[in-house]
Structure formats: structure tokens, C-alpha cells
Amino acid sequence: MLFEKGANRPDIRDAPRGYILYPPPTTNNGHDELEITLVGECTKLLPVVVAAIQEGRSVGLGAKRNAYTISGLWEKLPDGRQQELSLNTEATTDVAGPFPLEEWILKAPKSTASQVFFLTPVRLRKQGKYIDKMVWPFFFTTIASRLEALNCLYHSGKPLGRETFLKLQTLFEPTARISDDLQWVDYTRFSNRQHRKVIMGGLIGSACCDTPQNGLEAWWQTVSLLHAGKGASMGLGRVVLGT
């Protein structure tokens, strides 16, 4: 479910994972956070994910196998509040969610900001090549494609269809006027599968909308929740509205 769900769906290219792991910037107080987003049917696997993090303490993190402890587990709610959960894997089923995407969008704290920040590299591939200059209509159609694939794989949804995508392209066309200050930055990680360092560059920086929502507030909320581009499951493609 978590790693190979898309293997039997040849109709979905680059099938996305049903999870996102994102470590926010450290506060240097000895504690690090890890945000875990589970999508659709994968929400049922929270006890498995918690058990994996607990068992990981026996081997440590990174090449140096750094030891760690777990200080707590919290569930984030659509309105921004958090509630503490038990670290007992049997008790982690006692959660308030899962919540539908619509509720995450409707209850999300409203922002009047006109700036958008790309916190981790956004990797978008067009015609087989990664783009080093943002094409905003393509950015949003990519988000729509990601949302469609996640819905089909993890929520028994149906493809949007050509007609719907054509309508979306018309909706996204005004975003071409968004001004941005984005630069390509190379990000390096070690691949256990390939046994070597892998460069995973992408666009980082900020953009300024004509209006705070630019008529697409729900889409901004969606990309903030589900990330954008390749490597999203590893925390890449983190995009947030800010001041």
C-alpha cells in the first residue's frame, strides 16, 4: 500500500506515494519534528508507521546511525489545532480523522498573504526535462494531475477526463501573470537503493500573486497540504502561503 500501490496501474504514470514525510527546519533546541501526511486508504496504516518509527530507534538515523528518542505524537486537525495521541500502536487508531480534502480546505486558517514560498525544491518535469523556470499554468495542471492520481490510487476515484482538464487549463491560464523569484538549487541525498549520492535539484524561492488567492485559494491550500512535483513523498515540493 505505501510503496508499490501504483505498480498495477499502467494508466497512471509516475504513480505518487500515499504518504509525505516532511521535516520542518530545526529549532536547534535538541528536538526535531517530522510531519507525516497519509492519504486516503493509507490513513489506516498509522499504527504501522508509528511502529516503524519506534523500531527505528534500534538502528538510528543517517549514515552515522544517530540515536533518537520519541517525545510525542500529535494529530493535526484541519483548523490548525493539534491533539496528542498515544504512542501505543494499538491506541493510535483513536484519532479524530481522517478528514476529506474538502474539509482541510474549508477549515484551513485563512491567509491574506500575497506571497508564496517554495521551502524545498520543486521538481517539475515537462516533456522529459526538469524545468528551471516556472511555468505557472503547467504548475497547477501538475497539481491537478497529482490530485487525480492520489484519488484514483488511494480513494477508488475516477480519472478527471480530457474535458475537465481542458476546463482546468482555462482556469489556470491567468496564473501566467504571477511574478516570481525562483532559482534552481541542487539538493543531494544518499540513496540506499542505488548506494550513492543522488542530486535532486529543484526550484526554491518565492512568488507574488496579483491578489492573495489569485482566484485559486483552494489550489494553493491543496499544494500546501500535498506538496508538488517529484520527490514529494520525501518532503520536496513544500509550498506555503506566507506574509
C-alpha atoms as a PDB file:
ATOM      1  CA  MET A   1       0.000   0.000   0.000  1.00  0.00           C
ATOM      2  CA  LEU A   2       2.677   2.523   0.961  1.00  0.00           C
ATOM      3  CA  PHE A   3       5.379   1.685  -1.577  1.00  0.00           C
ATOM      4  CA  GLU A   4       4.026  -0.277  -4.537  1.00  0.00           C
ATOM      5  CA  LYS A   5       0.366   0.738  -4.843  1.00  0.00           C
ATOM      6  CA  GLY A   6       0.815   2.201  -8.329  1.00  0.00           C
ATOM      7  CA  ALA A   7       2.688  -0.771  -9.762  1.00  0.00           C
ATOM      8  CA  ASN A   8      -0.510  -2.317 -11.173  1.00  0.00           C
ATOM      9  CA  ARG A   9      -1.862   0.924 -12.679  1.00  0.00           C
ATOM     10  CA  PRO A  10      -0.198   1.397 -16.081  1.00  0.00           C
ATOM     11  CA  ASP A  11      -2.708   4.171 -16.806  1.00  0.00           C
ATOM     12  CA  ILE A  12      -1.078   6.382 -14.144  1.00  0.00           C
ATOM     13  CA  ARG A  13       2.447   7.489 -14.945  1.00  0.00           C
ATOM     14  CA  ASP A  14       4.787   8.302 -12.070  1.00  0.00           C
ATOM     15  CA  ALA A  15       2.301   6.992  -9.511  1.00  0.00           C
ATOM     16  CA  PRO A  16       2.606   9.051  -6.313  1.00  0.00           C
ATOM     17  CA  ARG A  17       3.161   7.533  -2.877  1.00  0.00           C
ATOM     18  CA  GLY A  18       0.305   7.739  -0.403  1.00  0.00           C
ATOM     19  CA  TYR A  19       2.455   9.456   2.223  1.00  0.00           C
ATOM     20  CA  ILE A  20       4.592  12.578   2.654  1.00  0.00           C
ATOM     21  CA  LEU A  21       7.450  12.885   5.149  1.00  0.00           C
ATOM     22  CA  TYR A  22       8.489  16.477   5.811  1.00  0.00           C
ATOM     23  CA  PRO A  23      10.974  17.598   8.489  1.00  0.00           C
ATOM     24  CA  PRO A  24      10.398  21.324   9.190  1.00  0.00           C
ATOM     25  CA  PRO A  25      13.545  23.435   9.710  1.00  0.00           C
ATOM     26  CA  THR A  26      15.144  22.559  13.046  1.00  0.00           C
ATOM     27  CA  THR A  27      14.815  24.907  16.004  1.00  0.00           C
ATOM     28  CA  ASN A  28      18.218  23.823  17.378  1.00  0.00           C
ATOM     29  CA  ASN A  29      16.751  23.039  20.792  1.00  0.00           C
ATOM     30  CA  GLY A  30      17.544  19.364  20.670  1.00  0.00           C
ATOM     31  CA  HIS A  31      14.154  18.454  19.220  1.00  0.00           C
ATOM     32  CA  ASP A  32      13.306  17.823  15.580  1.00  0.00           C
ATOM     33  CA  GLU A  33       9.831  17.488  14.129  1.00  0.00           C
ATOM     34  CA  LEU A  34       8.629  15.153  11.427  1.00  0.00           C
ATOM     35  CA  GLU A  35       5.337  15.861   9.697  1.00  0.00           C
ATOM     36  CA  ILE A  36       3.683  12.726   8.308  1.00  0.00           C
ATOM     37  CA  THR A  37       0.816  13.094   5.849  1.00  0.00           C
ATOM     38  CA  LEU A  38      -1.146   9.950   4.979  1.00  0.00           C
ATOM     39  CA  VAL A  39      -3.564   9.976   2.041  1.00  0.00           C
ATOM     40  CA  GLY A  40      -6.815   8.062   1.612  1.00  0.00           C
ATOM     41  CA  GLU A  41      -6.581   4.375   2.478  1.00  0.00           C
ATOM     42  CA  CYS A  42      -3.044   4.911   3.809  1.00  0.00           C
ATOM     43  CA  THR A  43      -4.517   6.671   6.858  1.00  0.00           C
ATOM     44  CA  LYS A  44      -5.405   3.196   8.140  1.00  0.00           C
ATOM     45  CA  LEU A  45      -1.694   2.413   8.336  1.00  0.00           C
ATOM     46  CA  LEU A  46      -0.875   5.000  11.005  1.00  0.00           C
ATOM     47  CA  PRO A  47      -0.172   2.278  13.627  1.00  0.00           C
ATOM     48  CA  VAL A  48       2.270   0.646  11.181  1.00  0.00           C
ATOM     49  CA  VAL A  49       4.050   3.945  10.548  1.00  0.00           C
ATOM     50  CA  VAL A  50       4.320   4.684  14.278  1.00  0.00           C
ATOM     51  CA  ALA A  51       5.652   1.176  14.926  1.00  0.00           C
ATOM     52  CA  ALA A  52       8.293   1.657  12.200  1.00  0.00           C
ATOM     53  CA  ILE A  53       9.470   4.933  13.775  1.00  0.00           C
ATOM     54  CA  GLN A  54       9.650   3.256  17.187  1.00  0.00           C
ATOM     55  CA  GLU A  55      11.596   0.278  15.847  1.00  0.00           C
ATOM     56  CA  GLY A  56      13.962   2.645  14.050  1.00  0.00           C
ATOM     57  CA  ARG A  57      15.395   3.643  17.412  1.00  0.00           C
ATOM     58  CA  SER A  58      17.320   0.363  17.453  1.00  0.00           C
ATOM     59  CA  VAL A  59      19.297   1.287  14.317  1.00  0.00           C
ATOM     60  CA  GLY A  60      19.391   5.102  14.413  1.00  0.00           C
ATOM     61  CA  LEU A  61      19.191   7.734  11.676  1.00  0.00           C
ATOM     62  CA  GLY A  62      21.528   8.591   8.819  1.00  0.00           C
ATOM     63  CA  ALA A  63      24.899   7.235   7.791  1.00  0.00           C
ATOM     64  CA  LYS A  64      26.190   7.691  11.340  1.00  0.00           C
ATOM     65  CA  ARG A  65      23.153   5.932  12.808  1.00  0.00           C
ATOM     66  CA  ASN A  66      22.402   8.730  15.238  1.00  0.00           C
ATOM     67  CA  ALA A  67      20.342   7.643  18.229  1.00  0.00           C
ATOM     68  CA  TYR A  68      16.984   9.287  18.878  1.00  0.00           C
ATOM     69  CA  THR A  69      14.038   9.172  21.244  1.00  0.00           C
ATOM     70  CA  ILE A  70      10.384   9.985  20.607  1.00  0.00           C
ATOM     71  CA  SER A  71       8.958  12.789  22.719  1.00  0.00           C
ATOM     72  CA  GLY A  72       5.378  12.594  21.499  1.00  0.00           C
ATOM     73  CA  LEU A  73       2.850  12.124  18.730  1.00  0.00           C
ATOM     74  CA  TRP A  74       0.230  14.680  17.718  1.00  0.00           C
ATOM     75  CA  GLU A  75      -2.582  14.701  15.198  1.00  0.00           C
ATOM     76  CA  LYS A  76      -3.012  17.916  13.245  1.00  0.00           C
ATOM     77  CA  LEU A  77      -6.616  18.961  12.595  1.00  0.00           C
ATOM     78  CA  PRO A  78      -7.872  20.935   9.563  1.00  0.00           C
ATOM     79  CA  ASP A  79      -8.372  24.108  11.625  1.00  0.00           C
ATOM     80  CA  GLY A  80      -4.718  24.077  12.694  1.00  0.00           C
ATOM     81  CA  ARG A  81      -5.233  22.687  16.204  1.00  0.00           C
ATOM     82  CA  GLN A  82      -3.311  19.649  17.410  1.00  0.00           C
ATOM     83  CA  GLN A  83      -4.249  16.865  19.771  1.00  0.00           C
ATOM     84  CA  GLU A  84      -1.830  14.462  21.416  1.00  0.00           C
ATOM     85  CA  LEU A  85      -2.048  10.767  20.583  1.00  0.00           C
ATOM     86  CA  SER A  86      -0.774   7.750  22.434  1.00  0.00           C
ATOM     87  CA  LEU A  87       2.467   6.166  21.233  1.00  0.00           C
ATOM     88  CA  ASN A  88       0.870   2.797  21.881  1.00  0.00           C
ATOM     89  CA  THR A  89       0.441   1.419  18.345  1.00  0.00           C
ATOM     90  CA  GLU A  90      -2.894  -0.130  19.283  1.00  0.00           C
ATOM     91  CA  ALA A  91      -4.189   3.200  20.580  1.00  0.00           C
ATOM     92  CA  THR A  92      -3.114   5.217  17.522  1.00  0.00           C
ATOM     93  CA  THR A  93      -6.355   4.163  15.854  1.00  0.00           C
ATOM     94  CA  ASP A  94      -8.161   6.507  18.263  1.00  0.00           C
ATOM     95  CA  VAL A  95      -7.801   9.596  16.063  1.00  0.00           C
ATOM     96  CA  ALA A  96     -10.202  12.355  15.046  1.00  0.00           C
ATOM     97  CA  GLY A  97      -9.548  11.897  11.315  1.00  0.00           C
ATOM     98  CA  PRO A  98      -9.210  11.081   8.569  1.00  0.00           C
ATOM     99  CA  PHE A  99     -10.776  14.199   7.073  1.00  0.00           C
ATOM    100  CA  PRO A 100     -11.742  14.688   3.410  1.00  0.00           C
ATOM    101  CA  LEU A 101      -9.677  17.147   1.376  1.00  0.00           C
ATOM    102  CA  GLU A 102     -12.680  19.482   1.175  1.00  0.00           C
ATOM    103  CA  GLU A 103     -12.649  19.866   4.955  1.00  0.00           C
ATOM    104  CA  TRP A 104      -8.918  20.606   5.017  1.00  0.00           C
ATOM    105  CA  ILE A 105      -9.502  23.388   2.507  1.00  0.00           C
ATOM    106  CA  LEU A 106     -12.634  24.874   4.074  1.00  0.00           C
ATOM    107  CA  LYS A 107     -11.338  24.856   7.656  1.00  0.00           C
ATOM    108  CA  ALA A 108      -7.769  25.888   6.938  1.00  0.00           C
ATOM    109  CA  PRO A 109      -6.779  29.188   8.589  1.00  0.00           C
ATOM    110  CA  LYS A 110      -7.421  31.903   6.005  1.00  0.00           C
ATOM    111  CA  SER A 111      -4.467  33.851   4.704  1.00  0.00           C
ATOM    112  CA  THR A 112      -4.441  37.347   3.253  1.00  0.00           C
ATOM    113  CA  ALA A 113      -0.854  36.909   2.116  1.00  0.00           C
ATOM    114  CA  SER A 114       0.093  37.607  -1.466  1.00  0.00           C
ATOM    115  CA  GLN A 115       3.408  35.741  -1.312  1.00  0.00           C
ATOM    116  CA  VAL A 116       4.045  32.050  -1.795  1.00  0.00           C
ATOM    117  CA  PHE A 117       7.224  30.369  -0.567  1.00  0.00           C
ATOM    118  CA  PHE A 118       8.879  27.303  -2.091  1.00  0.00           C
ATOM    119  CA  LEU A 119      10.613  25.899   1.002  1.00  0.00           C
ATOM    120  CA  THR A 120      12.031  22.708  -0.501  1.00  0.00           C
ATOM    121  CA  PRO A 121      12.984  22.055  -4.152  1.00  0.00           C
ATOM    122  CA  VAL A 122      10.001  21.822  -6.506  1.00  0.00           C
ATOM    123  CA  ARG A 123      10.891  19.404  -9.302  1.00  0.00           C
ATOM    124  CA  LEU A 124       8.589  19.633 -12.313  1.00  0.00           C
ATOM    125  CA  ARG A 125       9.278  17.624 -15.428  1.00  0.00           C
ATOM    126  CA  LYS A 126       7.912  18.722 -18.789  1.00  0.00           C
ATOM    127  CA  GLN A 127       8.464  16.727 -21.974  1.00  0.00           C
ATOM    128  CA  GLY A 128      11.086  14.610 -20.236  1.00  0.00           C
ATOM    129  CA  LYS A 129      13.097  17.539 -18.838  1.00  0.00           C
ATOM    130  CA  TYR A 130      13.032  19.309 -15.483  1.00  0.00           C
ATOM    131  CA  ILE A 131      12.065  22.957 -15.861  1.00  0.00           C
ATOM    132  CA  ASP A 132      14.390  25.585 -14.350  1.00  0.00           C
ATOM    133  CA  LYS A 133      11.951  28.458 -14.925  1.00  0.00           C
ATOM    134  CA  MET A 134       8.425  28.374 -13.556  1.00  0.00           C
ATOM    135  CA  VAL A 135       5.524  27.965 -15.961  1.00  0.00           C
ATOM    136  CA  TRP A 136       2.572  28.639 -13.696  1.00  0.00           C
ATOM    137  CA  PRO A 137      -0.294  27.114 -15.730  1.00  0.00           C
ATOM    138  CA  PHE A 138       1.808  23.943 -16.015  1.00  0.00           C
ATOM    139  CA  PHE A 139       2.486  24.050 -12.247  1.00  0.00           C
ATOM    140  CA  PHE A 140      -1.232  23.988 -11.441  1.00  0.00           C
ATOM    141  CA  THR A 141      -2.138  21.332 -14.032  1.00  0.00           C
ATOM    142  CA  THR A 142       0.626  19.226 -12.453  1.00  0.00           C
ATOM    143  CA  ILE A 143      -1.086  19.658  -9.082  1.00  0.00           C
ATOM    144  CA  ALA A 144      -4.388  18.600 -10.656  1.00  0.00           C
ATOM    145  CA  SER A 145      -2.713  15.505 -12.120  1.00  0.00           C
ATOM    146  CA  ARG A 146      -1.180  14.626  -8.755  1.00  0.00           C
ATOM    147  CA  LEU A 147      -4.527  15.038  -7.006  1.00  0.00           C
ATOM    148  CA  GLU A 148      -6.225  12.899  -9.659  1.00  0.00           C
ATOM    149  CA  ALA A 149      -3.645  10.107  -9.268  1.00  0.00           C
ATOM    150  CA  LEU A 150      -3.859  10.151  -5.460  1.00  0.00           C
ATOM    151  CA  ASN A 151      -7.652   9.979  -5.683  1.00  0.00           C
ATOM    152  CA  CYS A 152      -7.564   7.054  -8.119  1.00  0.00           C
ATOM    153  CA  LEU A 153      -4.949   5.062  -6.201  1.00  0.00           C
ATOM    154  CA  TYR A 154      -5.971   5.648  -2.603  1.00  0.00           C
ATOM    155  CA  HIS A 155      -9.633   6.619  -2.699  1.00  0.00           C
ATOM    156  CA  SER A 156     -11.113   4.496  -5.523  1.00  0.00           C
ATOM    157  CA  GLY A 157     -11.713   7.640  -7.564  1.00  0.00           C
ATOM    158  CA  LYS A 158     -12.029   8.021 -11.317  1.00  0.00           C
ATOM    159  CA  PRO A 159      -9.848   9.932 -13.796  1.00  0.00           C
ATOM    160  CA  LEU A 160     -10.942  13.522 -14.425  1.00  0.00           C
ATOM    161  CA  GLY A 161     -11.169  13.087 -18.174  1.00  0.00           C
ATOM    162  CA  ARG A 162      -9.986  15.255 -21.052  1.00  0.00           C
ATOM    163  CA  GLU A 163     -12.911  17.696 -20.916  1.00  0.00           C
ATOM    164  CA  THR A 164     -12.318  18.501 -17.253  1.00  0.00           C
ATOM    165  CA  PHE A 165      -8.603  19.005 -17.821  1.00  0.00           C
ATOM    166  CA  LEU A 166      -9.279  21.419 -20.671  1.00  0.00           C
ATOM    167  CA  LYS A 167     -11.518  23.440 -18.346  1.00  0.00           C
ATOM    168  CA  LEU A 168      -8.798  23.424 -15.693  1.00  0.00           C
ATOM    169  CA  GLN A 169      -6.228  24.696 -18.190  1.00  0.00           C
ATOM    170  CA  THR A 170      -8.530  27.631 -18.935  1.00  0.00           C
ATOM    171  CA  LEU A 171      -8.885  28.286 -15.208  1.00  0.00           C
ATOM    172  CA  PHE A 172      -5.122  28.213 -14.683  1.00  0.00           C
ATOM    173  CA  GLU A 173      -4.175  30.437 -17.626  1.00  0.00           C
ATOM    174  CA  PRO A 174      -4.349  33.754 -15.652  1.00  0.00           C
ATOM    175  CA  THR A 175      -1.651  32.437 -13.291  1.00  0.00           C
ATOM    176  CA  ALA A 176       0.901  33.155 -16.028  1.00  0.00           C
ATOM    177  CA  ARG A 177       0.979  36.720 -14.643  1.00  0.00           C
ATOM    178  CA  ILE A 178       2.355  35.651 -11.253  1.00  0.00           C
ATOM    179  CA  SER A 179       5.772  37.218 -10.633  1.00  0.00           C
ATOM    180  CA  ASP A 180       8.384  35.034  -9.022  1.00  0.00           C
ATOM    181  CA  ASP A 181      11.912  34.954  -7.680  1.00  0.00           C
ATOM    182  CA  LEU A 182      12.747  31.276  -8.006  1.00  0.00           C
ATOM    183  CA  GLN A 183      16.167  29.722  -8.510  1.00  0.00           C
ATOM    184  CA  TRP A 184      17.257  26.194  -9.289  1.00  0.00           C
ATOM    185  CA  VAL A 185      19.027  24.689  -6.282  1.00  0.00           C
ATOM    186  CA  ASP A 186      20.656  21.269  -6.222  1.00  0.00           C
ATOM    187  CA  TYR A 187      19.698  19.060  -3.285  1.00  0.00           C
ATOM    188  CA  THR A 188      21.729  15.930  -2.531  1.00  0.00           C
ATOM    189  CA  ARG A 189      20.604  12.831  -0.699  1.00  0.00           C
ATOM    190  CA  PHE A 190      22.055   9.356  -0.255  1.00  0.00           C
ATOM    191  CA  SER A 191      20.116   6.577  -1.971  1.00  0.00           C
ATOM    192  CA  ASN A 192      20.226   3.246  -0.159  1.00  0.00           C
ATOM    193  CA  ARG A 193      18.796   1.577  -3.243  1.00  0.00           C
ATOM    194  CA  GLN A 194      21.473   2.969  -5.568  1.00  0.00           C
ATOM    195  CA  HIS A 195      24.213   3.027  -2.901  1.00  0.00           C
ATOM    196  CA  ARG A 196      25.329   6.512  -3.900  1.00  0.00           C
ATOM    197  CA  LYS A 197      24.552  10.196  -3.533  1.00  0.00           C
ATOM    198  CA  VAL A 198      21.789  11.422  -5.833  1.00  0.00           C
ATOM    199  CA  ILE A 199      21.298  15.050  -6.921  1.00  0.00           C
ATOM    200  CA  MET A 200      17.661  16.110  -6.745  1.00  0.00           C
ATOM    201  CA  GLY A 201      17.566  19.781  -7.693  1.00  0.00           C
ATOM    202  CA  GLY A 202      14.504  21.976  -7.968  1.00  0.00           C
ATOM    203  CA  LEU A 203      13.099  25.482  -7.717  1.00  0.00           C
ATOM    204  CA  ILE A 204      13.320  27.323  -4.385  1.00  0.00           C
ATOM    205  CA  GLY A 205      12.322  30.897  -3.606  1.00  0.00           C
ATOM    206  CA  SER A 206       9.149  32.957  -3.544  1.00  0.00           C
ATOM    207  CA  ALA A 207       6.393  34.245  -5.795  1.00  0.00           C
ATOM    208  CA  CYS A 208       3.968  37.134  -5.574  1.00  0.00           C
ATOM    209  CA  CYS A 209       0.331  36.801  -6.661  1.00  0.00           C
ATOM    210  CA  ASP A 210      -1.746  39.639  -8.114  1.00  0.00           C
ATOM    211  CA  THR A 211      -4.177  39.063  -5.237  1.00  0.00           C
ATOM    212  CA  PRO A 212      -3.776  36.925  -2.096  1.00  0.00           C
ATOM    213  CA  GLN A 213      -5.626  33.994  -3.620  1.00  0.00           C
ATOM    214  CA  ASN A 214      -5.394  34.881  -7.309  1.00  0.00           C
ATOM    215  CA  GLY A 215      -8.800  33.188  -7.599  1.00  0.00           C
ATOM    216  CA  LEU A 216      -7.217  29.834  -6.748  1.00  0.00           C
ATOM    217  CA  GLU A 217      -7.191  29.692  -2.955  1.00  0.00           C
ATOM    218  CA  ALA A 218      -8.348  26.056  -2.836  1.00  0.00           C
ATOM    219  CA  TRP A 219      -5.486  25.043  -5.134  1.00  0.00           C
ATOM    220  CA  TRP A 220      -2.921  26.885  -3.008  1.00  0.00           C
ATOM    221  CA  GLN A 221      -4.264  25.081   0.060  1.00  0.00           C
ATOM    222  CA  THR A 222      -4.079  21.767  -1.796  1.00  0.00           C
ATOM    223  CA  VAL A 223      -0.462  22.164  -2.865  1.00  0.00           C
ATOM    224  CA  SER A 224       0.467  23.297   0.659  1.00  0.00           C
ATOM    225  CA  LEU A 225      -1.008  20.091   2.056  1.00  0.00           C
ATOM    226  CA  LEU A 226       0.113  17.600  -0.602  1.00  0.00           C
ATOM    227  CA  HIS A 227       3.349  19.187  -1.949  1.00  0.00           C
ATOM    228  CA  ALA A 228       4.251  19.443  -5.639  1.00  0.00           C
ATOM    229  CA  GLY A 229       6.483  17.679  -8.133  1.00  0.00           C
ATOM    230  CA  LYS A 230       8.839  14.735  -7.967  1.00  0.00           C
ATOM    231  CA  GLY A 231      10.134  13.593  -4.597  1.00  0.00           C
ATOM    232  CA  ALA A 232       7.076  14.899  -2.744  1.00  0.00           C
ATOM    233  CA  SER A 233       6.958  11.809  -0.532  1.00  0.00           C
ATOM    234  CA  MET A 234      10.437  12.741   0.769  1.00  0.00           C
ATOM    235  CA  GLY A 235       9.420  16.293   1.627  1.00  0.00           C
ATOM    236  CA  LEU A 236      10.350  18.017  -1.616  1.00  0.00           C
ATOM    237  CA  GLY A 237       7.894  20.452  -3.193  1.00  0.00           C
ATOM    238  CA  ARG A 238       6.809  22.118   0.059  1.00  0.00           C
ATOM    239  CA  VAL A 239       4.893  25.280  -0.901  1.00  0.00           C
ATOM    240  CA  VAL A 240       3.199  27.581   1.620  1.00  0.00           C
ATOM    241  CA  LEU A 241       1.369  30.897   1.672  1.00  0.00           C
ATOM    242  CA  GLY A 242       3.132  33.468   3.816  1.00  0.00           C
ATOM    243  CA  THR A 243       3.427  37.128   4.646  1.00  0.00           C
END
